[in-house]
Amino acid sequence: MSISISEDIKSVSDLKKKTNAIFKQMHHTGRPIIVTVNGKPDAVLLDVEVFEKKLKSLNLGILLAEAEMDVRDGRTREARKFIKEFNESTKVSR
């Protein structure tokens, strides 16, 4: 995720005065807005669609990390064997 230091860092005072313009910028660029209080970063505003994409990516990364640990620790089995066991246990008709 990119950020423009000159455009995407706003003070809380700016946010209060120019809320609509700041939100319009955030939605248009897809970049987060860093909100500062007393010159220090305090909060991040993020477009909901961008947030949802990042959250999906994070969740997928967590699942992949768990799968990699399973492979590393030998908690795997052949796909054919799994499918056979799955079909037998669920009585799936073809």
N, C-alpha and C. Protein backbone atom coordinates (compact mmCIF):
# COMPACT_ATOMS: atom_id res chain seq x y z
N MET A 1 0.86 -1.17 0.00
CA MET A 1 0.00 0.00 0.00
C MET A 1 0.90 1.22 0.00
N SER A 2 0.67 2.09 -0.94
CA SER A 2 1.49 3.29 -1.03
C SER A 2 0.88 4.41 -0.20
N ILE A 3 1.70 5.40 0.04
CA ILE A 3 1.26 6.59 0.76
C ILE A 3 2.03 7.78 0.23
N SER A 4 1.37 8.90 0.14
CA SER A 4 2.02 10.15 -0.26
C SER A 4 2.19 11.00 0.99
N ILE A 5 3.43 11.21 1.39
CA ILE A 5 3.68 11.97 2.62
C ILE A 5 3.09 13.37 2.53
N SER A 6 3.18 13.98 1.35
CA SER A 6 2.68 15.36 1.22
C SER A 6 1.16 15.44 1.14
N GLU A 7 0.50 14.35 0.72
CA GLU A 7 -0.96 14.41 0.54
C GLU A 7 -1.75 13.63 1.59
N ASP A 8 -1.17 12.59 2.16
CA ASP A 8 -1.96 11.65 2.96
C ASP A 8 -1.78 11.76 4.46
N ILE A 9 -1.03 12.74 4.91
CA ILE A 9 -0.88 12.97 6.35
C ILE A 9 -1.63 14.25 6.68
N LYS A 10 -2.61 14.13 7.55
CA LYS A 10 -3.48 15.27 7.91
C LYS A 10 -3.55 15.39 9.42
N SER A 11 -3.64 16.63 9.88
CA SER A 11 -3.82 16.85 11.32
C SER A 11 -5.28 16.63 11.67
N VAL A 12 -5.53 16.39 12.93
CA VAL A 12 -6.92 16.22 13.37
C VAL A 12 -7.70 17.50 13.13
N SER A 13 -7.03 18.65 13.20
CA SER A 13 -7.69 19.93 12.90
C SER A 13 -8.12 19.98 11.44
N ASP A 14 -7.23 19.53 10.53
CA ASP A 14 -7.60 19.46 9.11
C ASP A 14 -8.79 18.54 8.91
N LEU A 15 -8.77 17.41 9.61
CA LEU A 15 -9.86 16.45 9.48
C LEU A 15 -11.19 17.08 9.91
N LYS A 16 -11.16 17.85 10.99
CA LYS A 16 -12.38 18.51 11.46
C LYS A 16 -12.88 19.55 10.45
N LYS A 17 -11.95 20.31 9.87
CA LYS A 17 -12.32 21.40 8.96
C LYS A 17 -12.65 20.93 7.55
N LYS A 18 -11.97 19.87 7.10
CA LYS A 18 -12.07 19.46 5.70
C LYS A 18 -12.47 17.99 5.56
N THR A 19 -13.37 17.55 6.41
CA THR A 19 -13.75 16.14 6.45
C THR A 19 -14.17 15.62 5.08
N ASN A 20 -15.08 16.31 4.41
CA ASN A 20 -15.58 15.83 3.11
C ASN A 20 -14.46 15.72 2.09
N ALA A 21 -13.60 16.70 2.01
CA ALA A 21 -12.50 16.69 1.03
C ALA A 21 -11.52 15.56 1.33
N ILE A 22 -11.23 15.33 2.59
CA ILE A 22 -10.29 14.28 2.98
C ILE A 22 -10.88 12.91 2.67
N PHE A 23 -12.15 12.72 2.96
CA PHE A 23 -12.78 11.44 2.63
C PHE A 23 -12.85 11.24 1.11
N LYS A 24 -13.15 12.29 0.38
CA LYS A 24 -13.19 12.20 -1.08
C LYS A 24 -11.81 11.78 -1.61
N GLN A 25 -10.75 12.40 -1.08
CA GLN A 25 -9.38 12.05 -1.49
C GLN A 25 -9.09 10.57 -1.19
N MET A 26 -9.44 10.14 0.01
CA MET A 26 -9.18 8.76 0.43
C MET A 26 -9.89 7.77 -0.51
N HIS A 27 -11.17 8.04 -0.82
CA HIS A 27 -11.93 7.15 -1.68
C HIS A 27 -11.39 7.18 -3.12
N HIS A 28 -10.98 8.35 -3.57
CA HIS A 28 -10.48 8.50 -4.93
C HIS A 28 -9.13 7.81 -5.12
N THR A 29 -8.22 7.99 -4.17
CA THR A 29 -6.87 7.44 -4.33
C THR A 29 -6.75 6.00 -3.84
N GLY A 30 -7.61 5.60 -2.89
CA GLY A 30 -7.50 4.28 -2.28
C GLY A 30 -6.38 4.20 -1.25
N ARG A 31 -5.70 5.33 -1.04
CA ARG A 31 -4.60 5.36 -0.08
C ARG A 31 -5.13 5.72 1.31
N PRO A 32 -4.48 5.25 2.35
CA PRO A 32 -4.91 5.59 3.71
C PRO A 32 -4.56 7.05 4.03
N ILE A 33 -5.27 7.59 4.98
CA ILE A 33 -4.99 8.92 5.51
C ILE A 33 -4.45 8.73 6.92
N ILE A 34 -3.28 9.28 7.19
CA ILE A 34 -2.70 9.24 8.53
C ILE A 34 -3.14 10.52 9.24
N VAL A 35 -3.80 10.36 10.37
CA VAL A 35 -4.27 11.50 11.15
C VAL A 35 -3.30 11.73 12.30
N THR A 36 -2.82 12.97 12.41
CA THR A 36 -1.88 13.30 13.47
C THR A 36 -2.55 14.12 14.56
N VAL A 37 -2.05 13.93 15.77
CA VAL A 37 -2.46 14.74 16.92
C VAL A 37 -1.17 15.27 17.53
N ASN A 38 -1.10 16.58 17.66
CA ASN A 38 0.12 17.23 18.16
C ASN A 38 1.35 16.81 17.37
N GLY A 39 1.18 16.66 16.05
CA GLY A 39 2.29 16.35 15.17
C GLY A 39 2.73 14.90 15.12
N LYS A 40 2.05 14.04 15.87
CA LYS A 40 2.42 12.62 15.90
C LYS A 40 1.29 11.78 15.32
N PRO A 41 1.64 10.72 14.56
CA PRO A 41 0.60 9.84 14.00
C PRO A 41 -0.26 9.26 15.11
N ASP A 42 -1.58 9.29 14.91
CA ASP A 42 -2.49 8.81 15.95
C ASP A 42 -3.52 7.80 15.43
N ALA A 43 -3.94 7.97 14.16
CA ALA A 43 -4.97 7.08 13.61
C ALA A 43 -4.80 6.99 12.11
N VAL A 44 -5.42 5.95 11.54
CA VAL A 44 -5.38 5.75 10.09
C VAL A 44 -6.80 5.59 9.60
N LEU A 45 -7.15 6.36 8.56
CA LEU A 45 -8.44 6.21 7.89
C LEU A 45 -8.21 5.41 6.63
N LEU A 46 -9.08 4.45 6.38
CA LEU A 46 -8.90 3.58 5.23
C LEU A 46 -10.25 3.31 4.58
N ASP A 47 -10.29 3.41 3.26
CA ASP A 47 -11.50 3.11 2.50
C ASP A 47 -11.96 1.68 2.82
N VAL A 48 -13.24 1.48 2.99
CA VAL A 48 -13.78 0.18 3.38
C VAL A 48 -13.43 -0.92 2.38
N GLU A 49 -13.52 -0.64 1.10
CA GLU A 49 -13.18 -1.66 0.10
C GLU A 49 -11.72 -2.06 0.18
N VAL A 50 -10.84 -1.08 0.38
CA VAL A 50 -9.41 -1.36 0.53
C VAL A 50 -9.20 -2.18 1.80
N PHE A 51 -9.87 -1.79 2.88
CA PHE A 51 -9.74 -2.51 4.15
C PHE A 51 -10.17 -3.97 3.99
N GLU A 52 -11.30 -4.20 3.33
CA GLU A 52 -11.79 -5.57 3.14
C GLU A 52 -10.81 -6.40 2.32
N LYS A 53 -10.22 -5.82 1.28
CA LYS A 53 -9.22 -6.55 0.48
C LYS A 53 -8.01 -6.90 1.34
N LYS A 54 -7.55 -5.94 2.14
CA LYS A 54 -6.39 -6.19 3.01
C LYS A 54 -6.72 -7.25 4.05
N LEU A 55 -7.93 -7.21 4.59
CA LEU A 55 -8.34 -8.19 5.58
C LEU A 55 -8.41 -9.59 4.97
N LYS A 56 -8.94 -9.70 3.76
CA LYS A 56 -8.98 -10.99 3.08
C LYS A 56 -7.57 -11.52 2.84
N SER A 57 -6.68 -10.64 2.43
CA SER A 57 -5.29 -11.05 2.20
C SER A 57 -4.64 -11.51 3.50
N LEU A 58 -4.89 -10.79 4.57
CA LEU A 58 -4.34 -11.17 5.87
C LEU A 58 -4.87 -12.52 6.31
N ASN A 59 -6.18 -12.72 6.17
CA ASN A 59 -6.77 -14.01 6.56
C ASN A 59 -6.23 -15.15 5.72
N LEU A 60 -6.06 -14.92 4.43
CA LEU A 60 -5.49 -15.95 3.56
C LEU A 60 -4.05 -16.26 3.99
N GLY A 61 -3.30 -15.22 4.32
CA GLY A 61 -1.93 -15.42 4.79
C GLY A 61 -1.87 -16.26 6.06
N ILE A 62 -2.81 -16.04 6.95
CA ILE A 62 -2.87 -16.82 8.20
C ILE A 62 -3.16 -18.29 7.88
N LEU A 63 -4.12 -18.53 6.98
CA LEU A 63 -4.45 -19.90 6.59
C LEU A 63 -3.26 -20.59 5.92
N LEU A 64 -2.56 -19.85 5.06
CA LEU A 64 -1.40 -20.43 4.40
C LEU A 64 -0.29 -20.75 5.39
N ALA A 65 -0.09 -19.88 6.37
CA ALA A 65 0.94 -20.13 7.38
C ALA A 65 0.61 -21.40 8.17
N GLU A 66 -0.66 -21.57 8.51
CA GLU A 66 -1.08 -22.78 9.22
C GLU A 66 -0.85 -24.02 8.35
N ALA A 67 -1.17 -23.91 7.07
CA ALA A 67 -0.97 -25.04 6.16
C ALA A 67 0.51 -25.37 6.03
N GLU A 68 1.35 -24.34 5.94
CA GLU A 68 2.79 -24.58 5.84
C GLU A 68 3.32 -25.29 7.10
N MET A 69 2.78 -24.93 8.27
CA MET A 69 3.20 -25.61 9.50
C MET A 69 2.76 -27.07 9.47
N ASP A 70 1.56 -27.33 8.95
CA ASP A 70 1.09 -28.71 8.83
C ASP A 70 2.03 -29.52 7.94
N VAL A 71 2.42 -28.95 6.81
CA VAL A 71 3.33 -29.64 5.90
C VAL A 71 4.67 -29.88 6.58
N ARG A 72 5.19 -28.83 7.22
CA ARG A 72 6.49 -28.94 7.90
C ARG A 72 6.47 -30.02 8.98
N ASP A 73 5.35 -30.12 9.71
CA ASP A 73 5.25 -31.06 10.82
C ASP A 73 4.71 -32.43 10.40
N GLY A 74 4.52 -32.62 9.11
CA GLY A 74 4.10 -33.93 8.61
C GLY A 74 2.63 -34.24 8.79
N ARG A 75 1.81 -33.24 9.02
CA ARG A 75 0.36 -33.46 9.17
C ARG A 75 -0.32 -33.33 7.81
N THR A 76 0.04 -34.25 6.91
CA THR A 76 -0.55 -34.25 5.57
C THR A 76 -0.89 -35.68 5.18
N ARG A 77 -1.67 -35.80 4.12
CA ARG A 77 -1.95 -37.12 3.56
C ARG A 77 -2.22 -36.95 2.08
N GLU A 78 -2.16 -38.03 1.38
CA GLU A 78 -2.36 -37.99 -0.07
C GLU A 78 -3.77 -37.52 -0.39
N ALA A 79 -3.89 -36.71 -1.43
CA ALA A 79 -5.19 -36.17 -1.83
C ALA A 79 -6.18 -37.28 -2.17
N ARG A 80 -5.73 -38.29 -2.90
CA ARG A 80 -6.63 -39.39 -3.28
C ARG A 80 -7.20 -40.09 -2.04
N LYS A 81 -6.33 -40.30 -1.06
CA LYS A 81 -6.77 -40.97 0.16
C LYS A 81 -7.78 -40.10 0.91
N PHE A 82 -7.50 -38.79 0.98
CA PHE A 82 -8.42 -37.88 1.65
C PHE A 82 -9.77 -37.87 0.96
N ILE A 83 -9.77 -37.76 -0.36
CA ILE A 83 -11.03 -37.71 -1.12
C ILE A 83 -11.83 -38.99 -0.92
N LYS A 84 -11.15 -40.13 -0.94
CA LYS A 84 -11.83 -41.40 -0.72
C LYS A 84 -12.47 -41.43 0.67
N GLU A 85 -11.70 -41.05 1.70
CA GLU A 85 -12.24 -41.03 3.07
C GLU A 85 -13.39 -40.03 3.19
N PHE A 86 -13.24 -38.89 2.55
CA PHE A 86 -14.28 -37.86 2.61
C PHE A 86 -15.57 -38.37 1.96
N ASN A 87 -15.43 -38.94 0.79
CA ASN A 87 -16.62 -39.47 0.08
C ASN A 87 -17.30 -40.57 0.88
N GLU A 88 -16.51 -41.44 1.51
CA GLU A 88 -17.09 -42.54 2.30
C GLU A 88 -17.77 -42.01 3.57
N SER A 89 -17.20 -40.99 4.17
CA SER A 89 -17.76 -40.50 5.43
C SER A 89 -18.98 -39.62 5.24
N THR A 90 -19.10 -38.98 4.08
CA THR A 90 -20.22 -38.08 3.86
C THR A 90 -21.30 -38.64 2.96
N LYS A 91 -21.03 -39.80 2.42
CA LYS A 91 -21.98 -40.47 1.53
C LYS A 91 -22.38 -39.55 0.37
N VAL A 92 -21.39 -38.91 -0.23
CA VAL A 92 -21.64 -38.02 -1.35
C VAL A 92 -21.96 -38.86 -2.58
N SER A 93 -23.09 -38.52 -3.23
CA SER A 93 -23.45 -39.25 -4.46
C SER A 93 -22.85 -38.51 -5.65
N ARG A 94 -22.52 -39.29 -6.68
CA ARG A 94 -21.89 -38.69 -7.85
C ARG A 94 -22.86 -38.53 -8.97
